[in-house]
Protein backbone atom coordinates (compact mmCIF):
# COMPACT_ATOMS: atom_id res chain seq x y z
CA MET A 1 99.04 101.64 114.95
CA ILE A 2 95.31 102.10 115.45
CA ARG A 3 95.27 105.03 113.04
CA ILE A 4 97.07 102.98 110.40
CA ALA A 5 94.64 100.09 110.91
CA GLY A 6 91.67 102.45 110.64
CA PHE A 7 93.09 103.98 107.48
CA GLY A 8 93.63 100.52 105.98
CA ALA A 9 90.09 99.49 106.86
CA ALA A 10 88.73 102.68 105.28
CA ILE A 11 90.61 101.92 102.07
CA VAL A 12 89.27 98.34 101.98
CA VAL A 13 85.70 99.56 102.51
CA ALA A 14 86.07 102.25 99.85
CA VAL A 15 87.37 99.74 97.30
CA ALA A 16 84.57 97.29 98.14
CA VAL A 17 81.91 99.98 97.72
CA TYR A 18 83.45 101.13 94.43
CA VAL A 19 83.58 97.59 93.06
CA GLY A 20 80.02 96.94 94.24
CA PHE A 21 78.64 99.98 92.45
CA HIS A 22 80.89 99.64 89.41
CA ARG A 23 80.01 96.01 88.72
CA GLY A 24 76.26 96.54 89.11
CA GLY A 25 74.45 93.29 88.26
CA GLU A 26 77.55 91.25 87.45
CA THR A 27 78.86 88.56 89.73
CA ILE A 28 82.50 87.99 90.59
CA TYR A 29 82.40 84.78 88.56
CA ASP A 30 82.04 86.79 85.33
CA GLY A 31 85.19 88.03 83.70
CA ARG A 32 88.79 87.72 84.81
CA TRP A 33 88.00 87.48 88.54
CA GLY A 34 86.30 84.09 88.08
CA VAL A 35 89.57 82.39 88.97
CA MET A 36 89.26 83.84 92.49
CA GLU A 37 86.15 81.73 93.13
CA ARG A 38 88.30 79.05 94.74
CA LEU A 39 89.28 81.48 97.48
CA ILE A 40 85.70 82.22 98.50
CA ARG A 41 84.36 78.67 98.40
CA PRO A 42 83.83 77.24 101.94
CA ILE A 43 86.57 74.84 103.00
CA VAL A 44 86.47 74.08 106.74
CA PHE A 45 83.44 74.69 108.98
CA GLY A 46 82.07 77.21 106.48
CA ALA A 47 85.25 79.31 106.46
CA ASN A 48 86.78 80.09 103.10
CA ALA A 49 90.45 80.35 102.13
CA LEU A 50 90.54 84.15 102.41
CA GLU A 51 89.28 84.03 105.99
CA LEU A 52 91.77 81.33 106.90
CA MET A 53 94.64 83.29 105.36
CA ALA A 54 93.57 86.39 107.31
CA LEU A 55 93.56 84.38 110.54
CA VAL A 56 97.03 82.98 109.81
CA PHE A 57 98.45 86.44 109.05
CA ALA A 58 96.83 87.94 112.15
CA GLY A 59 98.23 85.08 114.23
CA LEU A 60 101.72 85.60 112.83
CA ILE A 61 101.59 89.32 113.57
CA ALA A 62 100.31 88.70 117.11
CA TRP A 63 103.05 86.11 117.67
CA ARG A 64 105.77 88.54 116.53
CA VAL A 65 104.42 91.27 118.78
CA TRP A 66 104.30 88.83 121.69
CA LYS A 67 107.89 87.71 121.02
CA LYS A 68 109.10 91.34 120.95
CA MET A 69 107.35 92.03 124.24
CA GLN A 70 109.11 89.04 125.82
CA ALA A 71 112.58 90.27 124.84
């Protein structure tokens, strides 16, 4: 599980670096990704929708693991 998580994190970092170098001086609001701005705008206590979704998914995964350990 840790190896899979590390591999997934490496892929995310690699994609972020590629996009950062590929886009150069552009912002995410230019072009077709401008629609995604709503996901990165702060909603609650400075947290944006992407962070909140990540917390919900992590909570669901932790809950399922906890339920399997109880059985």
